[in-house]
Amino acid sequence: MVIEDNPDLLGEIVETMPRRFEELITDAIAVESGPDAAPWVAQTMIRASIGLKHQAASREFYLDRLKVAVDLLVR
């Protein structure tokens, strides 16, 4: 992977973008789950997504499995 092998090509966005994404997900989850649970749910969801991405042979497989993970996390 070009970006993984050369993260300096994109500058600081490589670090700021994941943090901002986590903030957005956490804020969205907090609306339903409350501010105490939201960071843990968001971090778990992001890590599940990363793991599934590495296992997925297709976008459809990834989305199907991510939907299961999200359903479990927001119960």
Protein backbone atom coordinates (compact mmCIF):
# COMPACT_ATOMS: atom_id res chain seq x y z
CA MET A 1 0.00 0.00 0.00
CA VAL A 2 1.41 3.34 -1.02
CA ILE A 3 -0.02 5.33 1.90
CA GLU A 4 0.85 2.71 4.52
CA ASP A 5 4.42 2.52 3.23
CA ASN A 6 4.77 6.31 2.84
CA PRO A 7 2.52 8.06 5.39
CA ASP A 8 4.40 11.33 4.98
CA LEU A 9 2.91 11.74 1.49
CA LEU A 10 -0.35 12.96 3.00
CA GLY A 11 1.10 14.96 5.85
CA GLU A 12 -0.71 15.34 9.13
CA ILE A 13 -4.11 14.29 7.72
CA VAL A 14 -3.02 10.68 8.22
CA GLU A 15 -3.22 11.28 11.97
CA THR A 16 -5.93 13.94 12.23
CA MET A 17 -8.48 12.22 10.00
CA PRO A 18 -8.84 9.04 12.12
CA ARG A 19 -9.16 11.13 15.29
CA ARG A 20 -11.81 13.34 13.70
CA PHE A 21 -13.70 10.29 12.42
CA GLU A 22 -13.68 8.81 15.93
CA GLU A 23 -14.98 12.09 17.35
CA LEU A 24 -17.84 12.16 14.85
CA ILE A 25 -18.79 8.54 15.52
CA THR A 26 -18.58 9.10 19.28
CA ASP A 27 -20.81 12.18 19.09
CA ALA A 28 -23.39 10.32 17.01
CA ILE A 29 -23.44 7.35 19.39
CA ALA A 30 -23.68 9.64 22.43
CA VAL A 31 -27.06 10.87 21.23
CA GLU A 32 -28.49 7.38 21.78
CA SER A 33 -26.15 5.76 24.30
CA GLY A 34 -25.13 8.72 26.41
CA PRO A 35 -21.70 10.31 26.76
CA ASP A 36 -20.28 7.71 29.15
CA ALA A 37 -20.77 4.68 26.91
CA ALA A 38 -20.18 6.41 23.57
CA PRO A 39 -16.34 6.40 23.50
CA TRP A 40 -16.17 2.67 24.28
CA VAL A 41 -18.83 1.78 21.72
CA ALA A 42 -17.20 3.99 19.07
CA GLN A 43 -13.73 2.54 19.63
CA THR A 44 -15.08 -1.00 19.52
CA MET A 45 -17.02 -0.28 16.35
CA ILE A 46 -13.99 1.23 14.63
CA ARG A 47 -11.78 -1.71 15.60
CA ALA A 48 -14.40 -4.20 14.42
CA SER A 49 -14.57 -2.35 11.13
CA ILE A 50 -10.79 -2.49 10.70
CA GLY A 51 -10.72 -6.20 11.47
CA LEU A 52 -13.56 -6.93 9.07
CA LYS A 53 -11.90 -4.88 6.35
CA HIS A 54 -8.90 -7.19 6.47
CA GLN A 55 -11.12 -10.28 6.26
CA ALA A 56 -13.50 -9.07 3.56
CA ALA A 57 -13.28 -10.49 0.09
CA SER A 58 -15.91 -8.02 -1.10
CA ARG A 59 -17.61 -4.79 -0.12
CA GLU A 60 -20.88 -6.68 0.33
CA PHE A 61 -19.27 -9.13 2.79
CA TYR A 62 -17.77 -6.23 4.75
CA LEU A 63 -21.04 -4.30 4.94
CA ASP A 64 -23.06 -7.38 5.93
CA ARG A 65 -20.68 -8.20 8.78
CA LEU A 66 -20.36 -4.58 9.89
CA LYS A 67 -24.14 -4.34 10.12
CA VAL A 68 -24.11 -7.32 12.51
CA ALA A 69 -21.40 -5.67 14.61
CA VAL A 70 -23.27 -2.36 14.76
CA ASP A 71 -26.49 -4.13 15.73
CA LEU A 72 -24.68 -5.86 18.58
CA LEU A 73 -23.03 -2.71 19.83
CA VAL A 74 -26.11 -0.50 19.87
CA ARG A 75 -28.49 -2.83 21.64
